[in-house]
Amino acid sequence: MELHEHLEQVRDADTFLSFARALAADKSTSSDWENTTIKAFLDGAISWAESSDFGLDQGLLPSNPWRQFAVFLYCGKIYE
């Protein structure tokens, strides 16, 4: 299963942990990470959260905080 598919399935604690495991595996096997240090990763995630109102501006529902946090972590990978 692709990383984005794991992300789409996050709805509770178990699916969040499945996504987090997939994200960790992706870091080990993929070279397409924009932010490769923990500082850059967190800076990217925080920048995304601030600029998108934690995803609300992008249609993320506050009723699913597990998915919001999964997207936060995903954006740590890709957001500059």
Protein backbone atom coordinates (compact mmCIF):
# COMPACT_ATOMS: atom_id res chain seq x y z
CA MET A 1 0.00 0.00 0.00
CA GLU A 2 1.28 3.45 -0.89
CA LEU A 3 1.91 6.04 1.84
CA HIS A 4 -0.89 8.32 0.62
CA GLU A 5 -3.30 5.36 0.83
CA HIS A 6 -2.36 4.82 4.48
CA LEU A 7 -2.96 8.53 5.06
CA GLU A 8 -6.42 8.41 3.45
CA GLN A 9 -7.44 5.57 5.79
CA VAL A 10 -6.60 7.28 9.10
CA ARG A 11 -9.70 7.47 11.28
CA ASP A 12 -8.67 6.18 14.73
CA ALA A 13 -5.68 5.25 16.87
CA ASP A 14 -4.99 1.96 15.09
CA THR A 15 -5.06 3.42 11.58
CA PHE A 16 -2.97 6.37 12.78
CA LEU A 17 -0.30 3.99 14.06
CA SER A 18 -0.44 2.07 10.79
CA PHE A 19 0.19 5.33 8.95
CA ALA A 20 3.03 6.28 11.33
CA ARG A 21 4.68 2.90 10.69
CA ALA A 22 4.30 3.40 6.93
CA LEU A 23 5.78 6.91 7.21
CA ALA A 24 8.79 5.54 9.12
CA ALA A 25 9.26 2.81 6.51
CA ASP A 26 9.00 5.42 3.75
CA LYS A 27 11.79 7.43 5.38
CA SER A 28 13.99 4.33 5.32
CA THR A 29 13.35 3.49 1.68
CA SER A 30 12.54 6.75 -0.12
CA SER A 31 14.79 9.60 -1.20
CA ASP A 32 11.95 12.04 -1.92
CA TRP A 33 11.82 13.58 1.55
CA GLU A 34 11.99 17.37 1.41
CA ASN A 35 12.92 17.67 5.11
CA THR A 36 15.58 15.22 6.23
CA THR A 37 16.44 16.47 9.71
CA ILE A 38 14.07 16.41 12.68
CA LYS A 39 14.24 20.22 12.85
CA ALA A 40 13.38 20.64 9.17
CA PHE A 41 10.65 17.98 9.49
CA LEU A 42 9.02 19.74 12.43
CA ASP A 43 9.45 23.18 10.85
CA GLY A 44 7.69 21.93 7.71
CA ALA A 45 4.85 20.36 9.66
CA ILE A 46 4.39 23.47 11.81
CA SER A 47 4.48 25.76 8.77
CA TRP A 48 1.78 23.67 7.11
CA ALA A 49 -0.38 23.71 10.26
CA GLU A 50 -0.06 27.48 10.62
CA SER A 51 -0.70 28.26 6.96
CA SER A 52 -3.69 25.90 6.60
CA ASP A 53 -5.30 26.35 10.05
CA PHE A 54 -4.27 22.76 10.79
CA GLY A 55 -5.85 21.58 7.55
CA LEU A 56 -9.24 23.22 8.03
CA ASP A 57 -8.57 25.45 5.00
CA GLN A 58 -7.96 22.25 3.01
CA GLY A 59 -11.14 20.51 4.08
CA LEU A 60 -9.81 18.35 6.90
CA LEU A 61 -12.55 17.77 9.42
CA PRO A 62 -11.90 18.66 13.06
CA SER A 63 -14.06 15.64 13.94
CA ASN A 64 -11.15 13.43 12.86
CA PRO A 65 -8.13 14.67 14.84
CA TRP A 66 -6.27 11.42 14.07
CA ARG A 67 -6.26 12.29 10.38
CA GLN A 68 -5.35 15.92 11.08
CA PHE A 69 -2.30 14.80 13.00
CA ALA A 70 -1.38 12.20 10.36
CA VAL A 71 -1.48 14.94 7.71
CA PHE A 72 0.63 17.11 10.04
CA LEU A 73 3.28 14.36 10.07
CA TYR A 74 2.98 13.80 6.32
CA CYS A 75 3.51 17.51 5.71
CA GLY A 76 6.68 17.27 7.77
CA LYS A 77 7.95 15.13 4.91
CA ILE A 78 6.93 17.41 2.04
CA TYR A 79 6.15 20.98 3.16
CA GLU A 80 8.82 23.67 2.91
